Amino acid sequence: MKFSVINSYRLYYLLDTIQSIWKLDIEQKILGLLQSVPLDKYSIHRMIPTQSIFIISKAINNLQQRGQIHVVKYRKGTRTGIPVPLYSVYSCSESDRELNAGGMASDVGGMTSERYSEYEFVLRNLVSRNMEAKILDVGCSTSAFSSTIAKFSRNRWRIIGIDIVNEIGSHGFPLIQMDARKIGFKDQTFDQVMCLSAMEHIGLGHEGTETNNKDLNCGMEVGGDALAMTEIWRVLKVKGTLILTVPYGRLLIKQQGYRVYSKDSLSILTNKFIVSMKEFFGLKKGKWTKCNELEANTLTMLECSNQKFHSDVVACLLLEKG
């Protein structure tokens, strides 16, 4: 009897130790994710699908109680309409100061608040982490976001980044200097492609790259962006998806080397694909908030050349290769 009691205590102690290590591992993963971008518990669960939403919620609660993470803003629930909190390792006051200062991001990767909206959209539309997948990030440069995805994909995803700018190095995923108009991969190589705030620059000369500057069509004719979309279509597998984000407003080419897409030009640019999802985020009173397509079409383009943003609206699309 005495032996049984001792062994029971030992077993209890061992299980308690394992549970503590397990909890710490989950919490560290959550902290790592929230260093890159604010996320809600459902997005975190998508990034750590081996754990239940109950376990994720409990870990978030523990981190909140210890003051390691904070609620920085809310988004409207897509099904219920109930506000859903987004968490960050940075305090609400820090985030508010960033937004009120014009949307410039905090220390983590120099992201602007428009990127938060884009990245939230991306996280909701990434391929399932239960599948082996190859993902191409077009125009990612040295994106901290791609590094985060690569780190927390449980080695099921192979993420490759390409950029025409020579900033090649060790970034947590392979980054190759390559022109998006001539992607050097075989047909149907990738399960998913991301092109986040990059399509508007392709073919117009950006960051010192050479171009003939004749691509002034915003997708209306065969230009740099249209060529890149054709190449993305080619390297995507059938039923593969493209996550695309672009500045949206009046059809326009800016001298700084980027396009702003209108409803018609964006439709022409994406006509090879099936539009599975389309969302818009508009700049209102210094903050980026979700808006419908009608509101997006009525918001005016920022005319000031020294503005920090390309347009008042960001269009986020999930496109499928049929």
C-alpha atoms as a PDB file:
ATOM      1  CA  MET A   1       0.000   0.000   0.000  1.00  0.00           C
ATOM      2  CA  LYS A   2       2.816   2.386   0.952  1.00  0.00           C
ATOM      3  CA  PHE A   3       4.657   1.607  -2.315  1.00  0.00           C
ATOM      4  CA  SER A   4       1.498   2.273  -4.329  1.00  0.00           C
ATOM      5  CA  VAL A   5       0.943   5.669  -2.658  1.00  0.00           C
ATOM      6  CA  ILE A   6       4.569   6.748  -3.273  1.00  0.00           C
ATOM      7  CA  ASN A   7       4.381   5.759  -6.910  1.00  0.00           C
ATOM      8  CA  SER A   8       1.067   7.559  -7.288  1.00  0.00           C
ATOM      9  CA  TYR A   9       2.660  10.766  -5.965  1.00  0.00           C
ATOM     10  CA  ARG A  10       5.600  10.319  -8.338  1.00  0.00           C
ATOM     11  CA  LEU A  11       3.255   9.785 -11.268  1.00  0.00           C
ATOM     12  CA  TYR A  12       1.220  12.857 -10.284  1.00  0.00           C
ATOM     13  CA  TYR A  13       4.409  14.951 -10.026  1.00  0.00           C
ATOM     14  CA  LEU A  14       5.624  13.697 -13.426  1.00  0.00           C
ATOM     15  CA  LEU A  15       2.294  14.457 -15.104  1.00  0.00           C
ATOM     16  CA  ASP A  16       2.193  17.896 -13.475  1.00  0.00           C
ATOM     17  CA  THR A  17       5.716  18.655 -14.734  1.00  0.00           C
ATOM     18  CA  ILE A  18       4.852  17.526 -18.273  1.00  0.00           C
ATOM     19  CA  GLN A  19       1.682  19.640 -18.202  1.00  0.00           C
ATOM     20  CA  SER A  20       3.653  22.725 -17.068  1.00  0.00           C
ATOM     21  CA  ILE A  21       6.192  22.287 -19.889  1.00  0.00           C
ATOM     22  CA  TRP A  22       3.369  21.743 -22.372  1.00  0.00           C
ATOM     23  CA  LYS A  23       1.571  24.928 -21.232  1.00  0.00           C
ATOM     24  CA  LEU A  24       4.810  26.902 -21.441  1.00  0.00           C
ATOM     25  CA  ASP A  25       5.415  25.660 -24.998  1.00  0.00           C
ATOM     26  CA  ILE A  26       1.939  26.776 -26.139  1.00  0.00           C
ATOM     27  CA  GLU A  27       2.317  30.162 -24.468  1.00  0.00           C
ATOM     28  CA  GLN A  28       5.738  30.708 -26.060  1.00  0.00           C
ATOM     29  CA  LYS A  29       4.289  29.927 -29.490  1.00  0.00           C
ATOM     30  CA  ILE A  30       1.477  32.436 -28.925  1.00  0.00           C
ATOM     31  CA  LEU A  31       3.946  35.103 -27.792  1.00  0.00           C
ATOM     32  CA  GLY A  32       6.048  34.456 -30.891  1.00  0.00           C
ATOM     33  CA  LEU A  33       3.021  34.915 -33.166  1.00  0.00           C
ATOM     34  CA  LEU A  34       1.890  38.104 -31.451  1.00  0.00           C
ATOM     35  CA  GLN A  35       5.283  39.730 -31.853  1.00  0.00           C
ATOM     36  CA  SER A  36       4.643  40.007 -35.595  1.00  0.00           C
ATOM     37  CA  VAL A  37       0.985  41.073 -35.827  1.00  0.00           C
ATOM     38  CA  PRO A  38      -2.112  41.378 -33.575  1.00  0.00           C
ATOM     39  CA  LEU A  39      -4.289  38.256 -33.794  1.00  0.00           C
ATOM     40  CA  ASP A  40      -7.577  36.976 -32.408  1.00  0.00           C
ATOM     41  CA  LYS A  41      -7.867  33.565 -30.769  1.00  0.00           C
ATOM     42  CA  TYR A  42      -9.309  31.972 -33.907  1.00  0.00           C
ATOM     43  CA  SER A  43      -6.343  33.072 -36.038  1.00  0.00           C
ATOM     44  CA  ILE A  44      -3.981  31.804 -33.338  1.00  0.00           C
ATOM     45  CA  HIS A  45      -5.821  28.484 -33.356  1.00  0.00           C
ATOM     46  CA  ARG A  46      -5.312  28.246 -37.134  1.00  0.00           C
ATOM     47  CA  MET A  47      -1.588  28.730 -36.574  1.00  0.00           C
ATOM     48  CA  ILE A  48      -1.499  26.143 -33.751  1.00  0.00           C
ATOM     49  CA  PRO A  49      -4.183  23.653 -34.864  1.00  0.00           C
ATOM     50  CA  THR A  50      -2.832  20.789 -32.749  1.00  0.00           C
ATOM     51  CA  GLN A  51      -4.472  22.445 -29.728  1.00  0.00           C
ATOM     52  CA  SER A  52      -8.186  22.966 -29.127  1.00  0.00           C
ATOM     53  CA  ILE A  53      -9.710  26.438 -29.089  1.00  0.00           C
ATOM     54  CA  PHE A  54     -10.363  25.881 -25.361  1.00  0.00           C
ATOM     55  CA  ILE A  55      -6.650  25.326 -24.656  1.00  0.00           C
ATOM     56  CA  ILE A  56      -5.722  28.349 -26.800  1.00  0.00           C
ATOM     57  CA  SER A  57      -8.259  30.518 -24.940  1.00  0.00           C
ATOM     58  CA  LYS A  58      -6.931  29.356 -21.575  1.00  0.00           C
ATOM     59  CA  ALA A  59      -3.319  30.106 -22.574  1.00  0.00           C
ATOM     60  CA  ILE A  60      -4.365  33.568 -23.808  1.00  0.00           C
ATOM     61  CA  ASN A  61      -6.130  34.205 -20.485  1.00  0.00           C
ATOM     62  CA  ASN A  62      -3.001  33.183 -18.537  1.00  0.00           C
ATOM     63  CA  LEU A  63      -0.790  35.473 -20.627  1.00  0.00           C
ATOM     64  CA  GLN A  64      -3.251  38.336 -20.141  1.00  0.00           C
ATOM     65  CA  GLN A  65      -3.340  37.863 -16.380  1.00  0.00           C
ATOM     66  CA  ARG A  66       0.466  38.034 -16.248  1.00  0.00           C
ATOM     67  CA  GLY A  67       0.440  41.186 -18.388  1.00  0.00           C
ATOM     68  CA  GLN A  68       2.432  39.567 -21.227  1.00  0.00           C
ATOM     69  CA  ILE A  69      -0.201  40.257 -23.891  1.00  0.00           C
ATOM     70  CA  HIS A  70      -2.887  42.924 -24.270  1.00  0.00           C
ATOM     71  CA  VAL A  71      -6.102  43.559 -26.209  1.00  0.00           C
ATOM     72  CA  VAL A  72      -5.177  46.272 -28.721  1.00  0.00           C
ATOM     73  CA  LYS A  73      -8.340  46.461 -30.841  1.00  0.00           C
ATOM     74  CA  TYR A  74     -11.482  44.592 -31.881  1.00  0.00           C
ATOM     75  CA  ARG A  75     -12.857  43.266 -35.135  1.00  0.00           C
ATOM     76  CA  LYS A  76     -16.480  42.510 -35.921  1.00  0.00           C
ATOM     77  CA  GLY A  77     -17.260  38.790 -35.893  1.00  0.00           C
ATOM     78  CA  THR A  78     -18.145  37.654 -39.417  1.00  0.00           C
ATOM     79  CA  ARG A  79     -20.915  35.308 -38.265  1.00  0.00           C
ATOM     80  CA  THR A  80     -22.318  36.823 -35.085  1.00  0.00           C
ATOM     81  CA  GLY A  81     -21.336  40.484 -35.426  1.00  0.00           C
ATOM     82  CA  ILE A  82     -19.990  40.372 -31.842  1.00  0.00           C
ATOM     83  CA  PRO A  83     -16.669  42.223 -31.348  1.00  0.00           C
ATOM     84  CA  VAL A  84     -13.697  39.831 -31.259  1.00  0.00           C
ATOM     85  CA  PRO A  85     -10.544  41.013 -29.410  1.00  0.00           C
ATOM     86  CA  LEU A  86      -7.151  41.090 -31.131  1.00  0.00           C
ATOM     87  CA  TYR A  87      -4.123  40.520 -28.913  1.00  0.00           C
ATOM     88  CA  SER A  88      -0.572  41.813 -29.080  1.00  0.00           C
ATOM     89  CA  VAL A  89       2.553  41.800 -26.929  1.00  0.00           C
ATOM     90  CA  TYR A  90       2.330  45.583 -27.091  1.00  0.00           C
ATOM     91  CA  SER A  91      -0.071  47.556 -24.904  1.00  0.00           C
ATOM     92  CA  CYS A  92      -3.214  49.253 -26.179  1.00  0.00           C
ATOM     93  CA  SER A  93      -1.812  52.705 -25.452  1.00  0.00           C
ATOM     94  CA  GLU A  94       1.278  51.961 -27.543  1.00  0.00           C
ATOM     95  CA  SER A  95      -0.863  50.715 -30.425  1.00  0.00           C
ATOM     96  CA  ASP A  96      -3.205  53.711 -30.221  1.00  0.00           C
ATOM     97  CA  ARG A  97      -0.281  56.117 -30.368  1.00  0.00           C
ATOM     98  CA  GLU A  98       0.955  54.327 -33.476  1.00  0.00           C
ATOM     99  CA  LEU A  99      -2.452  54.537 -35.173  1.00  0.00           C
ATOM    100  CA  ASN A 100      -3.022  58.177 -34.248  1.00  0.00           C
ATOM    101  CA  ALA A 101       0.421  59.062 -35.553  1.00  0.00           C
ATOM    102  CA  GLY A 102      -0.701  57.993 -39.035  1.00  0.00           C
ATOM    103  CA  GLY A 103      -0.728  54.216 -38.794  1.00  0.00           C
ATOM    104  CA  MET A 104       3.013  53.615 -38.551  1.00  0.00           C
ATOM    105  CA  ALA A 105       3.868  50.321 -36.919  1.00  0.00           C
ATOM    106  CA  SER A 106       5.705  49.601 -33.749  1.00  0.00           C
ATOM    107  CA  ASP A 107       9.107  48.021 -33.360  1.00  0.00           C
ATOM    108  CA  VAL A 108       8.059  44.686 -34.873  1.00  0.00           C
ATOM    109  CA  GLY A 109       9.093  44.774 -38.488  1.00  0.00           C
ATOM    110  CA  GLY A 110       8.091  48.365 -39.273  1.00  0.00           C
ATOM    111  CA  MET A 111       4.555  47.399 -40.328  1.00  0.00           C
ATOM    112  CA  THR A 112       1.854  50.005 -40.829  1.00  0.00           C
ATOM    113  CA  SER A 113      -1.673  49.492 -39.533  1.00  0.00           C
ATOM    114  CA  GLU A 114      -2.891  48.809 -43.091  1.00  0.00           C
ATOM    115  CA  ARG A 115      -0.615  45.759 -43.001  1.00  0.00           C
ATOM    116  CA  TYR A 116      -2.408  44.529 -39.864  1.00  0.00           C
ATOM    117  CA  SER A 117      -5.655  44.380 -41.868  1.00  0.00           C
ATOM    118  CA  GLU A 118      -3.899  42.619 -44.737  1.00  0.00           C
ATOM    119  CA  TYR A 119      -2.155  40.100 -42.490  1.00  0.00           C
ATOM    120  CA  GLU A 120      -5.346  39.299 -40.623  1.00  0.00           C
ATOM    121  CA  PHE A 121      -6.994  38.552 -43.981  1.00  0.00           C
ATOM    122  CA  VAL A 122      -4.040  36.348 -44.958  1.00  0.00           C
ATOM    123  CA  LEU A 123      -4.140  34.356 -41.723  1.00  0.00           C
ATOM    124  CA  ARG A 124      -7.825  33.612 -42.250  1.00  0.00           C
ATOM    125  CA  ASN A 125      -7.174  32.321 -45.770  1.00  0.00           C
ATOM    126  CA  LEU A 126      -3.938  30.355 -45.571  1.00  0.00           C
ATOM    127  CA  VAL A 127      -4.024  26.731 -46.635  1.00  0.00           C
ATOM    128  CA  SER A 128      -4.763  24.217 -43.903  1.00  0.00           C
ATOM    129  CA  ARG A 129      -1.829  23.437 -41.661  1.00  0.00           C
ATOM    130  CA  ASN A 130      -2.887  19.798 -41.779  1.00  0.00           C
ATOM    131  CA  MET A 131      -1.682  19.535 -45.376  1.00  0.00           C
ATOM    132  CA  GLU A 132       1.776  19.513 -46.901  1.00  0.00           C
ATOM    133  CA  ALA A 133       1.991  22.655 -49.013  1.00  0.00           C
ATOM    134  CA  LYS A 134       4.359  24.797 -51.037  1.00  0.00           C
ATOM    135  CA  ILE A 135       3.734  28.531 -50.688  1.00  0.00           C
ATOM    136  CA  LEU A 136       5.279  31.274 -52.822  1.00  0.00           C
ATOM    137  CA  ASP A 137       5.495  34.827 -51.454  1.00  0.00           C
ATOM    138  CA  VAL A 138       5.883  37.278 -54.357  1.00  0.00           C
ATOM    139  CA  GLY A 139       7.597  40.582 -53.610  1.00  0.00           C
ATOM    140  CA  CYS A 140       8.058  39.772 -49.938  1.00  0.00           C
ATOM    141  CA  SER A 141      11.558  41.246 -49.577  1.00  0.00           C
ATOM    142  CA  THR A 142      12.662  40.590 -45.970  1.00  0.00           C
ATOM    143  CA  SER A 143       9.116  40.292 -44.594  1.00  0.00           C
ATOM    144  CA  ALA A 144       8.897  39.421 -40.899  1.00  0.00           C
ATOM    145  CA  PHE A 145       5.427  38.031 -41.609  1.00  0.00           C
ATOM    146  CA  SER A 146       6.698  35.319 -43.942  1.00  0.00           C
ATOM    147  CA  SER A 147       9.324  34.409 -41.367  1.00  0.00           C
ATOM    148  CA  THR A 148       6.592  33.974 -38.751  1.00  0.00           C
ATOM    149  CA  ILE A 149       4.504  31.766 -41.011  1.00  0.00           C
ATOM    150  CA  ALA A 150       7.548  29.661 -41.878  1.00  0.00           C
ATOM    151  CA  LYS A 151       8.425  29.258 -38.204  1.00  0.00           C
ATOM    152  CA  PHE A 152       5.013  28.165 -37.025  1.00  0.00           C
ATOM    153  CA  SER A 153       3.895  25.954 -39.906  1.00  0.00           C
ATOM    154  CA  ARG A 154       5.077  22.788 -38.119  1.00  0.00           C
ATOM    155  CA  ASN A 155       7.380  22.123 -41.090  1.00  0.00           C
ATOM    156  CA  ARG A 156       4.377  21.148 -43.234  1.00  0.00           C
ATOM    157  CA  TRP A 157       4.687  24.236 -45.407  1.00  0.00           C
ATOM    158  CA  ARG A 158       7.656  25.029 -47.568  1.00  0.00           C
ATOM    159  CA  ILE A 159       7.654  28.799 -48.030  1.00  0.00           C
ATOM    160  CA  ILE A 160       9.763  30.419 -50.750  1.00  0.00           C
ATOM    161  CA  GLY A 161      10.034  34.165 -51.225  1.00  0.00           C
ATOM    162  CA  ILE A 162      10.976  35.999 -54.407  1.00  0.00           C
ATOM    163  CA  ASP A 163      11.801  39.674 -54.887  1.00  0.00           C
ATOM    164  CA  ILE A 164      13.479  41.638 -57.669  1.00  0.00           C
ATOM    165  CA  VAL A 165      15.413  43.653 -55.080  1.00  0.00           C
ATOM    166  CA  ASN A 166      18.707  42.140 -53.985  1.00  0.00           C
ATOM    167  CA  GLU A 167      18.110  41.683 -50.255  1.00  0.00           C
ATOM    168  CA  ILE A 168      18.966  38.020 -50.126  1.00  0.00           C
ATOM    169  CA  GLY A 169      20.058  36.440 -46.878  1.00  0.00           C
ATOM    170  CA  SER A 170      18.887  34.297 -43.958  1.00  0.00           C
ATOM    171  CA  HIS A 171      15.288  35.200 -43.096  1.00  0.00           C
ATOM    172  CA  GLY A 172      13.822  31.923 -41.827  1.00  0.00           C
ATOM    173  CA  PHE A 173      12.754  30.915 -45.345  1.00  0.00           C
ATOM    174  CA  PRO A 174      14.487  30.779 -48.773  1.00  0.00           C
ATOM    175  CA  LEU A 175      14.492  34.231 -50.413  1.00  0.00           C
ATOM    176  CA  ILE A 176      15.463  34.313 -54.089  1.00  0.00           C
ATOM    177  CA  GLN A 177      16.173  37.331 -56.282  1.00  0.00           C
ATOM    178  CA  MET A 178      13.679  36.862 -59.123  1.00  0.00           C
ATOM    179  CA  ASP A 179      11.434  38.923 -61.403  1.00  0.00           C
ATOM    180  CA  ALA A 180       7.732  38.138 -60.837  1.00  0.00           C
ATOM    181  CA  ARG A 181       7.172  38.614 -64.590  1.00  0.00           C
ATOM    182  CA  LYS A 182       9.459  35.623 -65.248  1.00  0.00           C
ATOM    183  CA  ILE A 183       9.036  33.241 -62.318  1.00  0.00           C
ATOM    184  CA  GLY A 184      11.645  30.513 -62.555  1.00  0.00           C
ATOM    185  CA  PHE A 185       9.556  27.588 -61.323  1.00  0.00           C
ATOM    186  CA  LYS A 186       7.793  24.796 -63.206  1.00  0.00           C
ATOM    187  CA  ASP A 187       4.074  24.799 -63.980  1.00  0.00           C
ATOM    188  CA  GLN A 188       1.771  23.887 -61.072  1.00  0.00           C
ATOM    189  CA  THR A 189       4.480  23.963 -58.414  1.00  0.00           C
ATOM    190  CA  PHE A 190       2.707  25.815 -55.591  1.00  0.00           C
ATOM    191  CA  ASP A 191      -0.432  25.170 -53.553  1.00  0.00           C
ATOM    192  CA  GLN A 192      -0.726  28.834 -52.644  1.00  0.00           C
ATOM    193  CA  VAL A 193       0.793  32.163 -53.658  1.00  0.00           C
ATOM    194  CA  MET A 194       0.815  35.381 -51.619  1.00  0.00           C
ATOM    195  CA  CYS A 195       1.339  38.801 -53.186  1.00  0.00           C
ATOM    196  CA  LEU A 196       0.867  41.422 -50.480  1.00  0.00           C
ATOM    197  CA  SER A 197       1.153  45.093 -51.422  1.00  0.00           C
ATOM    198  CA  ALA A 198       3.563  44.197 -54.212  1.00  0.00           C
ATOM    199  CA  MET A 199       1.532  43.818 -57.435  1.00  0.00           C
ATOM    200  CA  GLU A 200       1.102  47.597 -57.733  1.00  0.00           C
ATOM    201  CA  HIS A 201       4.884  48.052 -58.122  1.00  0.00           C
ATOM    202  CA  ILE A 202       5.678  45.313 -60.637  1.00  0.00           C
ATOM    203  CA  GLY A 203       7.033  46.706 -63.897  1.00  0.00           C
ATOM    204  CA  LEU A 204       7.003  50.355 -62.809  1.00  0.00           C
ATOM    205  CA  GLY A 205      10.499  50.680 -61.398  1.00  0.00           C
ATOM    206  CA  HIS A 206      10.835  50.340 -57.654  1.00  0.00           C
ATOM    207  CA  GLU A 207      13.718  50.482 -55.213  1.00  0.00           C
ATOM    208  CA  GLY A 208      16.256  51.218 -57.943  1.00  0.00           C
ATOM    209  CA  THR A 209      15.205  48.478 -60.369  1.00  0.00           C
ATOM    210  CA  GLU A 210      15.322  49.216 -64.074  1.00  0.00           C
ATOM    211  CA  THR A 211      12.196  49.431 -66.215  1.00  0.00           C
ATOM    212  CA  ASN A 212      11.099  51.023 -69.468  1.00  0.00           C
ATOM    213  CA  ASN A 213       8.238  52.813 -67.584  1.00  0.00           C
ATOM    214  CA  LYS A 214       5.777  52.052 -70.393  1.00  0.00           C
ATOM    215  CA  ASP A 215       3.572  49.929 -68.152  1.00  0.00           C
ATOM    216  CA  LEU A 216       0.875  52.554 -67.471  1.00  0.00           C
ATOM    217  CA  ASN A 217      -2.188  50.378 -67.742  1.00  0.00           C
ATOM    218  CA  CYS A 218      -3.134  49.052 -64.287  1.00  0.00           C
ATOM    219  CA  GLY A 219      -4.084  45.751 -65.890  1.00  0.00           C
ATOM    220  CA  MET A 220      -5.926  47.321 -68.837  1.00  0.00           C
ATOM    221  CA  GLU A 221      -3.402  45.869 -71.298  1.00  0.00           C
ATOM    222  CA  VAL A 222      -0.510  43.417 -71.045  1.00  0.00           C
ATOM    223  CA  GLY A 223       1.809  45.137 -68.559  1.00  0.00           C
ATOM    224  CA  GLY A 224       4.078  44.157 -65.695  1.00  0.00           C
ATOM    225  CA  ASP A 225       1.235  43.326 -63.330  1.00  0.00           C
ATOM    226  CA  ALA A 226      -0.662  41.348 -65.987  1.00  0.00           C
ATOM    227  CA  LEU A 227       2.494  39.373 -66.824  1.00  0.00           C
ATOM    228  CA  ALA A 228       3.038  38.628 -63.131  1.00  0.00           C
ATOM    229  CA  MET A 229      -0.558  37.405 -62.765  1.00  0.00           C
ATOM    230  CA  THR A 230      -0.083  35.115 -65.767  1.00  0.00           C
ATOM    231  CA  GLU A 231       3.077  33.699 -64.200  1.00  0.00           C
ATOM    232  CA  ILE A 232       1.359  33.217 -60.836  1.00  0.00           C
ATOM    233  CA  TRP A 233      -1.464  31.384 -62.623  1.00  0.00           C
ATOM    234  CA  ARG A 234       1.099  29.163 -64.348  1.00  0.00           C
ATOM    235  CA  VAL A 235       2.993  28.123 -61.191  1.00  0.00           C
ATOM    236  CA  LEU A 236      -0.188  27.548 -59.128  1.00  0.00           C
ATOM    237  CA  LYS A 237      -1.658  24.069 -58.958  1.00  0.00           C
ATOM    238  CA  VAL A 238      -5.252  23.551 -60.094  1.00  0.00           C
ATOM    239  CA  LYS A 239      -7.532  24.595 -57.196  1.00  0.00           C
ATOM    240  CA  GLY A 240      -4.564  26.469 -55.746  1.00  0.00           C
ATOM    241  CA  THR A 241      -5.195  29.937 -54.316  1.00  0.00           C
ATOM    242  CA  LEU A 242      -3.679  33.392 -54.604  1.00  0.00           C
ATOM    243  CA  ILE A 243      -3.936  35.869 -51.727  1.00  0.00           C
ATOM    244  CA  LEU A 244      -3.652  39.310 -53.314  1.00  0.00           C
ATOM    245  CA  THR A 245      -3.722  42.745 -51.653  1.00  0.00           C
ATOM    246  CA  VAL A 246      -3.532  46.018 -53.603  1.00  0.00           C
ATOM    247  CA  PRO A 247      -4.303  49.739 -53.135  1.00  0.00           C
ATOM    248  CA  TYR A 248      -7.828  50.490 -54.346  1.00  0.00           C
ATOM    249  CA  GLY A 249      -9.486  53.691 -55.584  1.00  0.00           C
ATOM    250  CA  ARG A 250      -9.448  55.668 -58.808  1.00  0.00           C
ATOM    251  CA  LEU A 251      -7.446  54.179 -61.694  1.00  0.00           C
ATOM    252  CA  LEU A 252      -4.109  55.899 -61.294  1.00  0.00           C
ATOM    253  CA  ILE A 253      -0.344  55.618 -61.794  1.00  0.00           C
ATOM    254  CA  LYS A 254       1.762  57.556 -59.303  1.00  0.00           C
ATOM    255  CA  GLN A 255       5.157  58.987 -60.201  1.00  0.00           C
ATOM    256  CA  GLN A 256       6.614  57.184 -57.167  1.00  0.00           C
ATOM    257  CA  GLY A 257       6.162  53.917 -59.071  1.00  0.00           C
ATOM    258  CA  TYR A 258       2.928  52.253 -58.014  1.00  0.00           C
ATOM    259  CA  ARG A 259      -0.601  51.724 -59.299  1.00  0.00           C
ATOM    260  CA  VAL A 260      -3.964  52.225 -57.653  1.00  0.00           C
ATOM    261  CA  TYR A 261      -6.583  49.793 -58.950  1.00  0.00           C
ATOM    262  CA  SER A 262     -10.190  50.679 -59.726  1.00  0.00           C
ATOM    263  CA  LYS A 263     -13.108  48.252 -59.737  1.00  0.00           C
ATOM    264  CA  ASP A 264     -12.770  47.678 -63.498  1.00  0.00           C
ATOM    265  CA  SER A 265      -8.971  47.407 -63.659  1.00  0.00           C
ATOM    266  CA  LEU A 266      -8.891  44.986 -60.722  1.00  0.00           C
ATOM    267  CA  SER A 267     -11.562  42.865 -62.385  1.00  0.00           C
ATOM    268  CA  ILE A 268      -9.506  42.720 -65.601  1.00  0.00           C
ATOM    269  CA  LEU A 269      -6.311  41.936 -63.695  1.00  0.00           C
ATOM    270  CA  THR A 270      -7.904  38.959 -61.908  1.00  0.00           C
ATOM    271  CA  ASN A 271     -10.100  37.644 -64.752  1.00  0.00           C
ATOM    272  CA  LYS A 272      -8.205  34.341 -65.028  1.00  0.00           C
ATOM    273  CA  PHE A 273      -9.158  33.468 -61.441  1.00  0.00           C
ATOM    274  CA  ILE A 274     -12.321  32.647 -59.513  1.00  0.00           C
ATOM    275  CA  VAL A 275     -12.885  35.251 -56.784  1.00  0.00           C
ATOM    276  CA  SER A 276     -13.528  33.257 -53.601  1.00  0.00           C
ATOM    277  CA  MET A 277     -13.422  36.203 -51.209  1.00  0.00           C
ATOM    278  CA  LYS A 278     -13.072  39.971 -51.466  1.00  0.00           C
ATOM    279  CA  GLU A 279     -12.718  42.415 -48.563  1.00  0.00           C
ATOM    280  CA  PHE A 280     -11.934  46.122 -48.345  1.00  0.00           C
ATOM    281  CA  PHE A 281     -10.302  48.168 -45.584  1.00  0.00           C
ATOM    282  CA  GLY A 282     -10.617  51.950 -45.643  1.00  0.00           C
ATOM    283  CA  LEU A 283      -8.722  54.713 -43.863  1.00  0.00           C
ATOM    284  CA  LYS A 284     -11.193  56.603 -41.679  1.00  0.00           C
ATOM    285  CA  LYS A 285     -10.143  59.149 -39.054  1.00  0.00           C
ATOM    286  CA  GLY A 286      -6.605  57.788 -39.038  1.00  0.00           C
ATOM    287  CA  LYS A 287      -7.614  54.130 -38.577  1.00  0.00           C
ATOM    288  CA  TRP A 288      -8.043  51.270 -41.029  1.00  0.00           C
ATOM    289  CA  THR A 289     -11.479  49.674 -40.721  1.00  0.00           C
ATOM    290  CA  LYS A 290     -13.387  47.148 -42.792  1.00  0.00           C
ATOM    291  CA  CYS A 291     -15.797  48.615 -45.344  1.00  0.00           C
ATOM    292  CA  ASN A 292     -18.076  47.231 -48.054  1.00  0.00           C
ATOM    293  CA  GLU A 293     -17.407  47.534 -51.784  1.00  0.00           C
ATOM    294  CA  LEU A 294     -19.801  50.447 -52.197  1.00  0.00           C
ATOM    295  CA  GLU A 295     -17.982  52.434 -49.499  1.00  0.00           C
ATOM    296  CA  ALA A 296     -14.633  51.463 -51.030  1.00  0.00           C
ATOM    297  CA  ASN A 297     -15.740  52.800 -54.407  1.00  0.00           C
ATOM    298  CA  THR A 298     -16.845  56.128 -52.958  1.00  0.00           C
ATOM    299  CA  LEU A 299     -13.770  56.834 -50.830  1.00  0.00           C
ATOM    300  CA  THR A 300     -11.443  59.309 -52.565  1.00  0.00           C
ATOM    301  CA  MET A 301      -7.819  58.768 -53.413  1.00  0.00           C
ATOM    302  CA  LEU A 302      -5.175  60.512 -51.295  1.00  0.00           C
ATOM    303  CA  GLU A 303      -3.740  63.218 -53.557  1.00  0.00           C
ATOM    304  CA  CYS A 304      -0.858  64.358 -51.349  1.00  0.00           C
ATOM    305  CA  SER A 305       2.391  62.869 -52.691  1.00  0.00           C
ATOM    306  CA  ASN A 306       3.956  62.847 -49.217  1.00  0.00           C
ATOM    307  CA  GLN A 307       1.236  60.645 -47.689  1.00  0.00           C
ATOM    308  CA  LYS A 308       2.385  57.429 -46.017  1.00  0.00           C
ATOM    309  CA  PHE A 309      -0.204  55.289 -47.820  1.00  0.00           C
ATOM    310  CA  HIS A 310      -0.771  54.517 -51.472  1.00  0.00           C
ATOM    311  CA  SER A 311      -4.543  54.975 -51.215  1.00  0.00           C
ATOM    312  CA  ASP A 312      -7.473  55.331 -48.823  1.00  0.00           C
ATOM    313  CA  VAL A 313      -8.518  51.722 -49.426  1.00  0.00           C
ATOM    314  CA  VAL A 314      -6.805  48.328 -49.492  1.00  0.00           C
ATOM    315  CA  ALA A 315      -8.478  45.519 -51.458  1.00  0.00           C
ATOM    316  CA  CYS A 316      -7.845  41.980 -50.189  1.00  0.00           C
ATOM    317  CA  LEU A 317      -8.762  39.071 -52.465  1.00  0.00           C
ATOM    318  CA  LEU A 318      -8.673  35.299 -52.241  1.00  0.00           C
ATOM    319  CA  LEU A 319      -8.481  33.962 -55.804  1.00  0.00           C
ATOM    320  CA  GLU A 320      -8.700  30.347 -56.952  1.00  0.00           C
ATOM    321  CA  LYS A 321      -7.243  28.751 -60.049  1.00  0.00           C
ATOM    322  CA  GLY A 322     -10.159  26.827 -61.547  1.00  0.00           C
END
